[in-house]
Amino acid sequence: MNNKNNLKYGDKILYMEGVIVEVHDGCVSIDLKGRLGYLKIPMRMLITDYEIKVGQEVGFNMSFVEQLGPEINDKYISNLMTRNKKIKEISNK
């Protein structure tokens, strides 16, 4: 199902920039310019022709995040609770 049809507000694509602040095996952390926050993305989402280093600038297009409705995704909550329980059990050992 295409959730784009569920959006009430039209797309407003914004160009944003940030600076890479952390590089890990599977992800990159970016501080957004203009005090807009912090973003952590999987490495597979970063398009680059260069070796990734802390301090490099990135740019991307982004729209606003819109809540789709009041319903709670029970399956996701169940998976999240199971994951948190496993993490707690591991940390207690």
C-alpha atoms as a PDB file:
ATOM      1  CA  MET A   1       0.000   0.000   0.000  1.00  0.00           C
ATOM      2  CA  ASN A   2       1.293   3.444  -0.862  1.00  0.00           C
ATOM      3  CA  ASN A   3       1.210   5.537   2.324  1.00  0.00           C
ATOM      4  CA  LYS A   4       1.848   8.712   0.342  1.00  0.00           C
ATOM      5  CA  ASN A   5      -1.913   8.836  -0.304  1.00  0.00           C
ATOM      6  CA  ASN A   6      -2.495   8.986   3.482  1.00  0.00           C
ATOM      7  CA  LEU A   7      -0.650  12.293   3.873  1.00  0.00           C
ATOM      8  CA  LYS A   8      -2.879  15.325   4.469  1.00  0.00           C
ATOM      9  CA  TYR A   9      -0.273  17.924   3.600  1.00  0.00           C
ATOM     10  CA  GLY A  10       1.547  18.240   0.292  1.00  0.00           C
ATOM     11  CA  ASP A  11       5.250  17.641  -0.021  1.00  0.00           C
ATOM     12  CA  LYS A  12       7.484  20.568   0.738  1.00  0.00           C
ATOM     13  CA  ILE A  13      10.971  19.392  -0.093  1.00  0.00           C
ATOM     14  CA  LEU A  14      13.657  21.242   1.863  1.00  0.00           C
ATOM     15  CA  TYR A  15      17.369  21.201   1.142  1.00  0.00           C
ATOM     16  CA  MET A  16      19.289  20.599   4.356  1.00  0.00           C
ATOM     17  CA  GLU A  17      22.949  20.345   5.269  1.00  0.00           C
ATOM     18  CA  GLY A  18      24.896  18.840   8.106  1.00  0.00           C
ATOM     19  CA  VAL A  19      28.318  17.755   9.294  1.00  0.00           C
ATOM     20  CA  ILE A  20      29.401  14.161   9.912  1.00  0.00           C
ATOM     21  CA  VAL A  21      30.190  13.784  13.626  1.00  0.00           C
ATOM     22  CA  GLU A  22      30.543   9.987  13.972  1.00  0.00           C
ATOM     23  CA  VAL A  23      31.455   7.169  11.602  1.00  0.00           C
ATOM     24  CA  HIS A  24      30.815   3.550  12.556  1.00  0.00           C
ATOM     25  CA  ASP A  25      30.857   0.273  10.595  1.00  0.00           C
ATOM     26  CA  GLY A  26      27.144   0.412   9.820  1.00  0.00           C
ATOM     27  CA  CYS A  27      26.067   4.010  10.376  1.00  0.00           C
ATOM     28  CA  VAL A  28      26.946   7.679  10.158  1.00  0.00           C
ATOM     29  CA  SER A  29      25.850  10.400  12.601  1.00  0.00           C
ATOM     30  CA  ILE A  30      25.186  13.895  11.299  1.00  0.00           C
ATOM     31  CA  ASP A  31      24.673  17.187  13.160  1.00  0.00           C
ATOM     32  CA  LEU A  32      22.194  19.246  11.167  1.00  0.00           C
ATOM     33  CA  LYS A  33      23.123  22.862  10.504  1.00  0.00           C
ATOM     34  CA  GLY A  34      20.927  25.569  11.964  1.00  0.00           C
ATOM     35  CA  ARG A  35      20.506  23.800  15.325  1.00  0.00           C
ATOM     36  CA  LEU A  36      17.932  21.465  13.778  1.00  0.00           C
ATOM     37  CA  GLY A  37      19.133  18.374  15.587  1.00  0.00           C
ATOM     38  CA  TYR A  38      20.983  15.154  15.021  1.00  0.00           C
ATOM     39  CA  LEU A  39      20.461  12.382  12.501  1.00  0.00           C
ATOM     40  CA  LYS A  40      21.843   8.839  12.504  1.00  0.00           C
ATOM     41  CA  ILE A  41      21.540   6.946   9.230  1.00  0.00           C
ATOM     42  CA  PRO A  42      22.618   3.524   7.985  1.00  0.00           C
ATOM     43  CA  MET A  43      25.776   3.598   5.890  1.00  0.00           C
ATOM     44  CA  ARG A  44      23.788   2.284   2.913  1.00  0.00           C
ATOM     45  CA  MET A  45      21.829   5.567   2.800  1.00  0.00           C
ATOM     46  CA  LEU A  46      24.946   7.707   2.292  1.00  0.00           C
ATOM     47  CA  ILE A  47      25.929   8.305  -1.321  1.00  0.00           C
ATOM     48  CA  THR A  48      29.600   9.144  -1.633  1.00  0.00           C
ATOM     49  CA  ASP A  49      32.597   8.947  -3.937  1.00  0.00           C
ATOM     50  CA  TYR A  50      35.020   9.678  -1.090  1.00  0.00           C
ATOM     51  CA  GLU A  51      36.280   8.058   2.083  1.00  0.00           C
ATOM     52  CA  ILE A  52      33.900   9.075   4.874  1.00  0.00           C
ATOM     53  CA  LYS A  53      35.504  11.171   7.627  1.00  0.00           C
ATOM     54  CA  VAL A  54      34.311  13.145  10.640  1.00  0.00           C
ATOM     55  CA  GLY A  55      33.928  16.829   9.771  1.00  0.00           C
ATOM     56  CA  GLN A  56      32.811  16.357   6.168  1.00  0.00           C
ATOM     57  CA  GLU A  57      29.664  18.178   5.085  1.00  0.00           C
ATOM     58  CA  VAL A  58      26.614  16.457   3.639  1.00  0.00           C
ATOM     59  CA  GLY A  59      23.494  17.726   1.909  1.00  0.00           C
ATOM     60  CA  PHE A  60      20.106  16.118   1.363  1.00  0.00           C
ATOM     61  CA  ASN A  61      16.487  16.810   0.540  1.00  0.00           C
ATOM     62  CA  MET A  62      13.938  16.199   3.243  1.00  0.00           C
ATOM     63  CA  SER A  63      10.275  16.834   3.870  1.00  0.00           C
ATOM     64  CA  PHE A  64       8.346  17.173   7.114  1.00  0.00           C
ATOM     65  CA  VAL A  65       7.418  14.045   9.052  1.00  0.00           C
ATOM     66  CA  GLU A  66       3.658  13.583   9.300  1.00  0.00           C
ATOM     67  CA  GLN A  67       1.860  11.280  11.713  1.00  0.00           C
ATOM     68  CA  LEU A  68      -0.420   8.984   9.702  1.00  0.00           C
ATOM     69  CA  GLY A  69      -3.085   8.450  12.351  1.00  0.00           C
ATOM     70  CA  PRO A  70      -3.888   7.755  16.007  1.00  0.00           C
ATOM     71  CA  GLU A  71      -3.568   3.956  15.725  1.00  0.00           C
ATOM     72  CA  ILE A  72      -0.688   2.185  17.435  1.00  0.00           C
ATOM     73  CA  ASN A  73       1.203  -0.522  15.550  1.00  0.00           C
ATOM     74  CA  ASP A  74       0.840  -3.333  18.107  1.00  0.00           C
ATOM     75  CA  LYS A  75       3.242  -5.654  16.263  1.00  0.00           C
ATOM     76  CA  TYR A  76       5.991  -3.015  16.355  1.00  0.00           C
ATOM     77  CA  ILE A  77       5.407  -2.344  20.074  1.00  0.00           C
ATOM     78  CA  SER A  78       5.559  -6.091  20.789  1.00  0.00           C
ATOM     79  CA  ASN A  79       8.840  -6.429  18.879  1.00  0.00           C
ATOM     80  CA  LEU A  80      10.249  -3.377  20.684  1.00  0.00           C
ATOM     81  CA  MET A  81       9.311  -4.763  24.105  1.00  0.00           C
ATOM     82  CA  THR A  82      10.843  -8.151  23.248  1.00  0.00           C
ATOM     83  CA  ARG A  83      14.054  -6.459  22.108  1.00  0.00           C
ATOM     84  CA  ASN A  84      14.256  -4.297  25.241  1.00  0.00           C
ATOM     85  CA  LYS A  85      13.642  -7.353  27.438  1.00  0.00           C
ATOM     86  CA  LYS A  86      16.490  -9.242  25.738  1.00  0.00           C
ATOM     87  CA  ILE A  87      18.840  -6.274  26.142  1.00  0.00           C
ATOM     88  CA  LYS A  88      17.944  -6.010  29.833  1.00  0.00           C
ATOM     89  CA  GLU A  89      18.544  -9.740  30.362  1.00  0.00           C
ATOM     90  CA  ILE A  90      21.937  -9.549  28.664  1.00  0.00           C
ATOM     91  CA  SER A  91      23.000  -6.513  30.693  1.00  0.00           C
ATOM     92  CA  ASN A  92      21.980  -8.213  33.971  1.00  0.00           C
ATOM     93  CA  LYS A  93      24.248 -11.229  33.285  1.00  0.00           C
END
